[in-house]
Amino acid sequence: MPGFSAQDLAYVIRLDELAWGGLLLALTVAVHGTGMFNIMRMTVMLADRTAQVRLRFPALGMAILIVAVWIIVVVHLAEVAIWAAFFVWKDAQPNIFSAFYAALLNYTALQAGYLPIRWRLLEGMLGIAGLLSFAWSTGTLLALAAKFIQEPVQQPSKK
């Protein structure tokens, strides 16, 4: 077959590769779910505690949303760090810095092809983890934004 290297032709998906990918994907979803649940709890708590102040300063709702976005980003970076640590542990990357950068590129679906052939399947699984996490984060952020956008609209106007 022209155009394919012998290494590509010899590649076979291994059971341990599937198992590790499934475990890492489950761990990513668990970390993300815990993070999103806690972000929702924290945001609702802040909204309740600042309700009276936000009547006078509705922009405070935006500040709470910005803090929530920062925490969402930290949750995503923690998930990438889990994959990066695995890549270093399994000698798929030379150091944690290269592993983190490479994992971040694949988590955001920007790049593939940086892992040794024995871990090729994980590149796609990492992209799946990122896509699922970003979709979940978007849903969380939209739910929070809807709450803060609706409040000023639902308040009686001051005359």
N, C-alpha and C. Protein backbone atom coordinates (compact mmCIF):
# COMPACT_ATOMS: atom_id res chain seq x y z
N MET A 1 0.85 -1.19 0.00
CA MET A 1 0.00 0.00 0.00
C MET A 1 0.89 1.24 0.00
N PRO A 2 0.90 1.97 -1.07
CA PRO A 2 1.72 3.18 -1.11
C PRO A 2 1.14 4.27 -0.21
N GLY A 3 2.02 5.07 0.37
CA GLY A 3 1.60 6.20 1.18
C GLY A 3 1.47 5.91 2.66
N PHE A 4 1.59 4.65 3.07
CA PHE A 4 1.49 4.32 4.49
C PHE A 4 2.81 3.71 4.95
N SER A 5 3.29 4.15 6.12
CA SER A 5 4.53 3.59 6.64
C SER A 5 4.28 2.19 7.19
N ALA A 6 5.35 1.42 7.31
CA ALA A 6 5.24 0.07 7.87
C ALA A 6 4.70 0.15 9.29
N GLN A 7 5.09 1.20 10.00
CA GLN A 7 4.61 1.38 11.38
C GLN A 7 3.09 1.59 11.41
N ASP A 8 2.57 2.38 10.48
CA ASP A 8 1.12 2.60 10.41
C ASP A 8 0.40 1.31 10.04
N LEU A 9 0.96 0.56 9.12
CA LEU A 9 0.33 -0.69 8.70
C LEU A 9 0.33 -1.73 9.80
N ALA A 10 1.31 -1.67 10.69
CA ALA A 10 1.43 -2.66 11.76
C ALA A 10 0.61 -2.29 13.00
N TYR A 11 0.07 -1.08 13.03
CA TYR A 11 -0.66 -0.62 14.22
C TYR A 11 -1.93 -1.43 14.43
N VAL A 12 -2.10 -1.88 15.67
CA VAL A 12 -3.31 -2.58 16.09
C VAL A 12 -3.74 -1.98 17.41
N ILE A 13 -5.03 -1.66 17.53
CA ILE A 13 -5.53 -1.12 18.80
C ILE A 13 -5.42 -2.21 19.86
N ARG A 14 -4.79 -1.87 20.98
CA ARG A 14 -4.58 -2.83 22.06
C ARG A 14 -5.68 -2.69 23.10
N LEU A 15 -5.94 -3.77 23.80
CA LEU A 15 -6.95 -3.77 24.85
C LEU A 15 -6.56 -2.82 25.99
N ASP A 16 -5.26 -2.79 26.35
CA ASP A 16 -4.85 -1.88 27.43
C ASP A 16 -5.00 -0.43 27.02
N GLU A 17 -4.81 -0.14 25.73
CA GLU A 17 -5.00 1.22 25.23
C GLU A 17 -6.48 1.63 25.38
N LEU A 18 -7.37 0.73 25.03
CA LEU A 18 -8.80 1.00 25.20
C LEU A 18 -9.15 1.17 26.68
N ALA A 19 -8.60 0.31 27.53
CA ALA A 19 -8.90 0.38 28.96
C ALA A 19 -8.39 1.67 29.58
N TRP A 20 -7.15 2.05 29.28
CA TRP A 20 -6.61 3.30 29.81
C TRP A 20 -7.40 4.49 29.28
N GLY A 21 -7.74 4.46 28.00
CA GLY A 21 -8.53 5.56 27.43
C GLY A 21 -9.88 5.68 28.10
N GLY A 22 -10.54 4.53 28.32
CA GLY A 22 -11.84 4.55 29.00
C GLY A 22 -11.73 5.08 30.43
N LEU A 23 -10.68 4.66 31.13
CA LEU A 23 -10.47 5.13 32.50
C LEU A 23 -10.19 6.63 32.53
N LEU A 24 -9.32 7.10 31.64
CA LEU A 24 -9.02 8.53 31.59
C LEU A 24 -10.25 9.35 31.20
N LEU A 25 -11.04 8.84 30.28
CA LEU A 25 -12.26 9.53 29.88
C LEU A 25 -13.24 9.60 31.04
N ALA A 26 -13.40 8.50 31.77
CA ALA A 26 -14.29 8.48 32.94
C ALA A 26 -13.80 9.44 34.02
N LEU A 27 -12.50 9.46 34.24
CA LEU A 27 -11.92 10.36 35.24
C LEU A 27 -12.14 11.81 34.84
N THR A 28 -11.97 12.11 33.55
CA THR A 28 -12.20 13.47 33.06
C THR A 28 -13.65 13.89 33.29
N VAL A 29 -14.58 13.01 32.97
CA VAL A 29 -16.00 13.32 33.15
C VAL A 29 -16.32 13.49 34.64
N ALA A 30 -15.74 12.66 35.49
CA ALA A 30 -15.98 12.76 36.94
C ALA A 30 -15.45 14.09 37.49
N VAL A 31 -14.24 14.45 37.09
CA VAL A 31 -13.66 15.72 37.54
C VAL A 31 -14.52 16.88 37.03
N HIS A 32 -14.92 16.79 35.78
CA HIS A 32 -15.70 17.88 35.19
C HIS A 32 -17.07 18.00 35.86
N GLY A 33 -17.72 16.87 36.06
CA GLY A 33 -19.03 16.90 36.71
C GLY A 33 -18.95 17.48 38.11
N THR A 34 -17.95 17.06 38.86
CA THR A 34 -17.76 17.59 40.21
C THR A 34 -17.50 19.09 40.16
N GLY A 35 -16.65 19.50 39.22
CA GLY A 35 -16.36 20.93 39.08
C GLY A 35 -17.59 21.74 38.71
N MET A 36 -18.36 21.27 37.74
CA MET A 36 -19.54 22.02 37.31
C MET A 36 -20.59 22.07 38.42
N PHE A 37 -20.77 20.97 39.14
CA PHE A 37 -21.71 20.95 40.26
C PHE A 37 -21.31 21.97 41.31
N ASN A 38 -20.03 22.01 41.66
CA ASN A 38 -19.56 22.96 42.67
C ASN A 38 -19.62 24.40 42.18
N ILE A 39 -19.37 24.61 40.90
CA ILE A 39 -19.48 25.97 40.35
C ILE A 39 -20.92 26.44 40.43
N MET A 40 -21.85 25.58 40.08
CA MET A 40 -23.28 25.95 40.18
C MET A 40 -23.65 26.27 41.63
N ARG A 41 -23.21 25.43 42.56
CA ARG A 41 -23.50 25.67 43.98
C ARG A 41 -22.91 27.00 44.44
N MET A 42 -21.65 27.24 44.10
CA MET A 42 -20.98 28.47 44.52
C MET A 42 -21.67 29.70 43.92
N THR A 43 -22.04 29.61 42.66
CA THR A 43 -22.65 30.75 42.00
C THR A 43 -24.03 31.06 42.58
N VAL A 44 -24.81 30.03 42.85
CA VAL A 44 -26.13 30.23 43.46
C VAL A 44 -25.96 30.84 44.86
N MET A 45 -24.97 30.34 45.61
CA MET A 45 -24.72 30.88 46.94
C MET A 45 -24.34 32.37 46.86
N LEU A 46 -23.43 32.71 45.92
CA LEU A 46 -23.05 34.11 45.75
C LEU A 46 -24.23 34.96 45.30
N ALA A 47 -25.04 34.41 44.42
CA ALA A 47 -26.22 35.15 43.95
C ALA A 47 -27.18 35.43 45.10
N ASP A 48 -27.40 34.44 45.95
CA ASP A 48 -28.29 34.63 47.09
C ASP A 48 -27.74 35.65 48.08
N ARG A 49 -26.44 35.57 48.33
CA ARG A 49 -25.83 36.48 49.31
C ARG A 49 -25.70 37.91 48.81
N THR A 50 -25.72 38.07 47.50
CA THR A 50 -25.55 39.42 46.95
C THR A 50 -26.84 39.95 46.31
N ALA A 51 -27.95 39.30 46.55
CA ALA A 51 -29.21 39.67 45.89
C ALA A 51 -29.58 41.14 46.12
N GLN A 52 -29.49 41.61 47.35
CA GLN A 52 -29.86 42.99 47.65
C GLN A 52 -28.90 43.98 47.00
N VAL A 53 -27.63 43.68 47.02
CA VAL A 53 -26.64 44.57 46.40
C VAL A 53 -26.84 44.62 44.89
N ARG A 54 -27.16 43.47 44.29
CA ARG A 54 -27.35 43.42 42.84
C ARG A 54 -28.58 44.18 42.38
N LEU A 55 -29.52 44.46 43.29
CA LEU A 55 -30.65 45.31 42.92
C LEU A 55 -30.15 46.70 42.53
N ARG A 56 -29.14 47.16 43.24
CA ARG A 56 -28.57 48.49 42.96
C ARG A 56 -27.47 48.42 41.91
N PHE A 57 -26.74 47.31 41.87
CA PHE A 57 -25.60 47.15 40.96
C PHE A 57 -25.74 45.84 40.18
N PRO A 58 -26.57 45.83 39.16
CA PRO A 58 -26.80 44.59 38.40
C PRO A 58 -25.52 44.02 37.77
N ALA A 59 -24.51 44.86 37.54
CA ALA A 59 -23.27 44.39 36.94
C ALA A 59 -22.53 43.39 37.85
N LEU A 60 -22.89 43.35 39.11
CA LEU A 60 -22.27 42.39 40.02
C LEU A 60 -22.56 40.96 39.55
N GLY A 61 -23.70 40.76 38.91
CA GLY A 61 -24.01 39.44 38.34
C GLY A 61 -22.98 39.05 37.29
N MET A 62 -22.54 40.01 36.50
CA MET A 62 -21.51 39.74 35.49
C MET A 62 -20.19 39.38 36.15
N ALA A 63 -19.86 40.04 37.25
CA ALA A 63 -18.63 39.72 37.97
C ALA A 63 -18.68 38.28 38.49
N ILE A 64 -19.83 37.86 38.98
CA ILE A 64 -19.98 36.48 39.46
C ILE A 64 -19.81 35.51 38.29
N LEU A 65 -20.35 35.85 37.13
CA LEU A 65 -20.18 35.01 35.95
C LEU A 65 -18.72 34.91 35.53
N ILE A 66 -18.00 36.01 35.61
CA ILE A 66 -16.59 36.01 35.24
C ILE A 66 -15.80 35.09 36.17
N VAL A 67 -16.08 35.15 37.45
CA VAL A 67 -15.42 34.25 38.40
C VAL A 67 -15.75 32.79 38.05
N ALA A 68 -17.01 32.53 37.71
CA ALA A 68 -17.41 31.16 37.33
C ALA A 68 -16.63 30.71 36.09
N VAL A 69 -16.46 31.58 35.12
CA VAL A 69 -15.70 31.23 33.90
C VAL A 69 -14.25 30.91 34.26
N TRP A 70 -13.64 31.71 35.13
CA TRP A 70 -12.26 31.43 35.55
C TRP A 70 -12.15 30.05 36.19
N ILE A 71 -13.11 29.72 37.02
CA ILE A 71 -13.07 28.41 37.68
C ILE A 71 -13.30 27.30 36.66
N ILE A 72 -14.17 27.52 35.68
CA ILE A 72 -14.38 26.53 34.62
C ILE A 72 -13.07 26.28 33.88
N VAL A 73 -12.34 27.33 33.57
CA VAL A 73 -11.05 27.19 32.88
C VAL A 73 -10.08 26.38 33.74
N VAL A 74 -10.05 26.63 35.03
CA VAL A 74 -9.16 25.88 35.93
C VAL A 74 -9.54 24.40 35.94
N VAL A 75 -10.84 24.11 35.93
CA VAL A 75 -11.29 22.71 35.88
C VAL A 75 -10.80 22.05 34.59
N HIS A 76 -10.94 22.74 33.46
CA HIS A 76 -10.45 22.20 32.19
C HIS A 76 -8.94 21.94 32.25
N LEU A 77 -8.20 22.88 32.79
CA LEU A 77 -6.75 22.70 32.86
C LEU A 77 -6.37 21.54 33.78
N ALA A 78 -7.13 21.32 34.84
CA ALA A 78 -6.88 20.16 35.72
C ALA A 78 -7.12 18.85 34.96
N GLU A 79 -8.14 18.83 34.12
CA GLU A 79 -8.41 17.64 33.32
C GLU A 79 -7.27 17.37 32.34
N VAL A 80 -6.79 18.41 31.71
CA VAL A 80 -5.66 18.26 30.78
C VAL A 80 -4.43 17.75 31.55
N ALA A 81 -4.24 18.23 32.77
CA ALA A 81 -3.09 17.80 33.58
C ALA A 81 -3.16 16.30 33.89
N ILE A 82 -4.35 15.78 34.07
CA ILE A 82 -4.50 14.33 34.32
C ILE A 82 -3.99 13.54 33.12
N TRP A 83 -4.42 13.93 31.93
CA TRP A 83 -3.96 13.25 30.72
C TRP A 83 -2.45 13.42 30.55
N ALA A 84 -1.95 14.63 30.78
CA ALA A 84 -0.52 14.89 30.63
C ALA A 84 0.30 14.03 31.59
N ALA A 85 -0.16 13.91 32.82
CA ALA A 85 0.55 13.07 33.79
C ALA A 85 0.59 11.61 33.33
N PHE A 86 -0.50 11.15 32.77
CA PHE A 86 -0.53 9.79 32.24
C PHE A 86 0.49 9.63 31.11
N PHE A 87 0.55 10.61 30.20
CA PHE A 87 1.48 10.51 29.09
C PHE A 87 2.93 10.46 29.56
N VAL A 88 3.26 11.21 30.59
CA VAL A 88 4.62 11.18 31.12
C VAL A 88 4.86 9.84 31.82
N TRP A 89 3.89 9.39 32.60
CA TRP A 89 4.01 8.12 33.32
C TRP A 89 4.26 6.95 32.36
N LYS A 90 3.59 6.97 31.22
CA LYS A 90 3.71 5.89 30.24
C LYS A 90 4.79 6.17 29.18
N ASP A 91 5.64 7.16 29.42
CA ASP A 91 6.73 7.52 28.51
C ASP A 91 6.24 7.85 27.10
N ALA A 92 5.07 8.44 27.01
CA ALA A 92 4.54 8.86 25.72
C ALA A 92 4.95 10.30 25.41
N GLN A 93 5.47 11.01 26.41
CA GLN A 93 5.98 12.38 26.24
C GLN A 93 7.23 12.51 27.10
N PRO A 94 8.16 13.39 26.70
CA PRO A 94 9.44 13.46 27.40
C PRO A 94 9.38 14.12 28.79
N ASN A 95 8.45 15.07 28.97
CA ASN A 95 8.34 15.74 30.27
C ASN A 95 6.92 16.28 30.43
N ILE A 96 6.62 16.75 31.65
CA ILE A 96 5.25 17.20 31.95
C ILE A 96 4.87 18.44 31.15
N PHE A 97 5.84 19.27 30.83
CA PHE A 97 5.55 20.51 30.10
C PHE A 97 5.15 20.21 28.65
N SER A 98 5.92 19.36 27.99
CA SER A 98 5.57 18.94 26.63
C SER A 98 4.26 18.17 26.63
N ALA A 99 4.08 17.33 27.63
CA ALA A 99 2.86 16.52 27.72
C ALA A 99 1.64 17.42 27.92
N PHE A 100 1.76 18.43 28.79
CA PHE A 100 0.64 19.33 29.04
C PHE A 100 0.28 20.10 27.77
N TYR A 101 1.28 20.62 27.09
CA TYR A 101 1.03 21.38 25.87
C TYR A 101 0.38 20.48 24.81
N ALA A 102 0.93 19.31 24.61
CA ALA A 102 0.39 18.39 23.61
C ALA A 102 -1.03 17.95 23.98
N ALA A 103 -1.27 17.66 25.26
CA ALA A 103 -2.60 17.25 25.70
C ALA A 103 -3.60 18.40 25.53
N LEU A 104 -3.18 19.61 25.83
CA LEU A 104 -4.07 20.76 25.66
C LEU A 104 -4.46 20.95 24.20
N LEU A 105 -3.52 20.76 23.29
CA LEU A 105 -3.84 20.88 21.87
C LEU A 105 -4.87 19.84 21.45
N ASN A 106 -4.73 18.62 21.93
CA ASN A 106 -5.69 17.59 21.55
C ASN A 106 -7.01 17.74 22.28
N TYR A 107 -6.98 18.19 23.53
CA TYR A 107 -8.20 18.41 24.31
C TYR A 107 -9.08 19.44 23.61
N THR A 108 -8.47 20.40 22.98
CA THR A 108 -9.21 21.44 22.27
C THR A 108 -9.43 21.08 20.80
N ALA A 109 -9.07 19.85 20.42
CA ALA A 109 -9.25 19.34 19.06
C ALA A 109 -8.48 20.15 18.02
N LEU A 110 -7.34 20.69 18.39
CA LEU A 110 -6.54 21.48 17.46
C LEU A 110 -5.45 20.66 16.77
N GLN A 111 -5.03 19.56 17.40
CA GLN A 111 -3.90 18.83 16.84
C GLN A 111 -3.97 17.37 17.24
N ALA A 112 -3.37 16.55 16.45
CA ALA A 112 -3.19 15.14 16.77
C ALA A 112 -1.86 14.71 16.18
N GLY A 113 -1.40 13.55 16.57
CA GLY A 113 -0.18 13.02 15.99
C GLY A 113 1.06 13.21 16.83
N TYR A 114 0.92 13.47 18.11
CA TYR A 114 2.09 13.72 18.93
C TYR A 114 2.44 12.55 19.84
N LEU A 115 1.58 11.58 19.96
CA LEU A 115 1.84 10.44 20.84
C LEU A 115 2.53 9.32 20.06
N PRO A 116 3.28 8.50 20.76
CA PRO A 116 3.85 7.32 20.08
C PRO A 116 2.71 6.45 19.54
N ILE A 117 3.03 5.69 18.54
CA ILE A 117 1.99 4.91 17.86
C ILE A 117 1.26 3.97 18.81
N ARG A 118 1.93 3.51 19.86
CA ARG A 118 1.27 2.58 20.79
C ARG A 118 0.13 3.24 21.58
N TRP A 119 0.08 4.57 21.57
CA TRP A 119 -0.98 5.30 22.28
C TRP A 119 -1.81 6.16 21.34
N ARG A 120 -1.80 5.87 20.08
CA ARG A 120 -2.48 6.68 19.07
C ARG A 120 -3.98 6.85 19.35
N LEU A 121 -4.64 5.82 19.79
CA LEU A 121 -6.08 5.88 20.04
C LEU A 121 -6.43 6.93 21.10
N LEU A 122 -5.52 7.16 22.05
CA LEU A 122 -5.80 8.12 23.12
C LEU A 122 -5.92 9.55 22.60
N GLU A 123 -5.31 9.84 21.48
CA GLU A 123 -5.45 11.18 20.91
C GLU A 123 -6.91 11.48 20.59
N GLY A 124 -7.58 10.54 19.99
CA GLY A 124 -9.00 10.71 19.68
C GLY A 124 -9.86 10.73 20.94
N MET A 125 -9.52 9.87 21.90
CA MET A 125 -10.30 9.82 23.14
C MET A 125 -10.13 11.11 23.94
N LEU A 126 -8.95 11.69 23.89
CA LEU A 126 -8.72 12.97 24.57
C LEU A 126 -9.54 14.06 23.90
N GLY A 127 -9.64 14.04 22.58
CA GLY A 127 -10.49 14.99 21.87
C GLY A 127 -11.96 14.83 22.27
N ILE A 128 -12.40 13.59 22.43
CA ILE A 128 -13.77 13.33 22.88
C ILE A 128 -13.98 13.91 24.27
N ALA A 129 -13.03 13.69 25.16
CA ALA A 129 -13.13 14.22 26.52
C ALA A 129 -13.25 15.74 26.49
N GLY A 130 -12.44 16.39 25.67
CA GLY A 130 -12.50 17.84 25.57
C GLY A 130 -13.82 18.33 25.02
N LEU A 131 -14.30 17.70 23.97
CA LEU A 131 -15.57 18.12 23.38
C LEU A 131 -16.73 17.96 24.36
N LEU A 132 -16.77 16.83 25.06
CA LEU A 132 -17.81 16.62 26.06
C LEU A 132 -17.72 17.66 27.17
N SER A 133 -16.51 17.92 27.63
CA SER A 133 -16.32 18.87 28.72
C SER A 133 -16.69 20.29 28.30
N PHE A 134 -16.30 20.67 27.09
CA PHE A 134 -16.65 22.02 26.63
C PHE A 134 -18.16 22.17 26.45
N ALA A 135 -18.80 21.15 25.96
CA ALA A 135 -20.27 21.21 25.82
C ALA A 135 -20.93 21.35 27.19
N TRP A 136 -20.46 20.59 28.16
CA TRP A 136 -21.01 20.65 29.51
C TRP A 136 -20.76 22.04 30.11
N SER A 137 -19.56 22.55 29.94
CA SER A 137 -19.23 23.88 30.46
C SER A 137 -20.11 24.94 29.82
N THR A 138 -20.34 24.81 28.54
CA THR A 138 -21.19 25.78 27.84
C THR A 138 -22.60 25.74 28.41
N GLY A 139 -23.14 24.55 28.63
CA GLY A 139 -24.47 24.43 29.23
C GLY A 139 -24.52 25.06 30.61
N THR A 140 -23.50 24.82 31.41
CA THR A 140 -23.43 25.40 32.76
C THR A 140 -23.40 26.92 32.68
N LEU A 141 -22.54 27.43 31.81
CA LEU A 141 -22.40 28.88 31.68
C LEU A 141 -23.69 29.52 31.17
N LEU A 142 -24.36 28.88 30.22
CA LEU A 142 -25.62 29.42 29.71
C LEU A 142 -26.69 29.44 30.80
N ALA A 143 -26.74 28.39 31.62
CA ALA A 143 -27.71 28.35 32.71
C ALA A 143 -27.44 29.48 33.71
N LEU A 144 -26.17 29.71 34.02
CA LEU A 144 -25.83 30.78 34.96
C LEU A 144 -26.12 32.15 34.35
N ALA A 145 -25.75 32.32 33.09
CA ALA A 145 -25.98 33.61 32.44
C ALA A 145 -27.48 33.92 32.36
N ALA A 146 -28.28 32.92 32.06
CA ALA A 146 -29.73 33.14 31.98
C ALA A 146 -30.28 33.65 33.30
N LYS A 147 -29.76 33.12 34.40
CA LYS A 147 -30.21 33.56 35.72
C LYS A 147 -29.91 35.04 35.94
N PHE A 148 -28.70 35.45 35.62
CA PHE A 148 -28.31 36.84 35.87
C PHE A 148 -28.89 37.81 34.84
N ILE A 149 -29.18 37.32 33.66
CA ILE A 149 -29.79 38.19 32.64
C ILE A 149 -31.27 38.40 32.94
N GLN A 150 -31.95 37.37 33.42
CA GLN A 150 -33.39 37.46 33.68
C GLN A 150 -33.70 38.30 34.91
N GLU A 151 -32.83 38.31 35.89
CA GLU A 151 -33.12 39.04 37.14
C GLU A 151 -33.43 40.52 36.91
N PRO A 152 -32.55 41.26 36.21
CA PRO A 152 -32.87 42.69 36.03
C PRO A 152 -34.14 42.90 35.21
N VAL A 153 -34.42 42.01 34.28
CA VAL A 153 -35.61 42.14 33.45
C VAL A 153 -36.87 41.89 34.27
N GLN A 154 -36.82 40.97 35.23
CA GLN A 154 -37.98 40.60 36.01
C GLN A 154 -38.24 41.55 37.17
N GLN A 155 -37.27 42.39 37.52
CA GLN A 155 -37.45 43.32 38.64
C GLN A 155 -38.37 44.46 38.22
N PRO A 156 -39.19 44.92 39.15
CA PRO A 156 -40.03 46.08 38.81
C PRO A 156 -39.15 47.31 38.59
N SER A 157 -39.55 48.11 37.64
CA SER A 157 -38.76 49.31 37.35
C SER A 157 -38.89 50.31 38.47
N LYS A 158 -37.82 51.06 38.70
CA LYS A 158 -37.80 52.07 39.77
C LYS A 158 -38.31 53.40 39.21
N LYS A 159 -39.27 53.97 39.90
CA LYS A 159 -39.80 55.27 39.44
C LYS A 159 -39.82 56.23 40.59
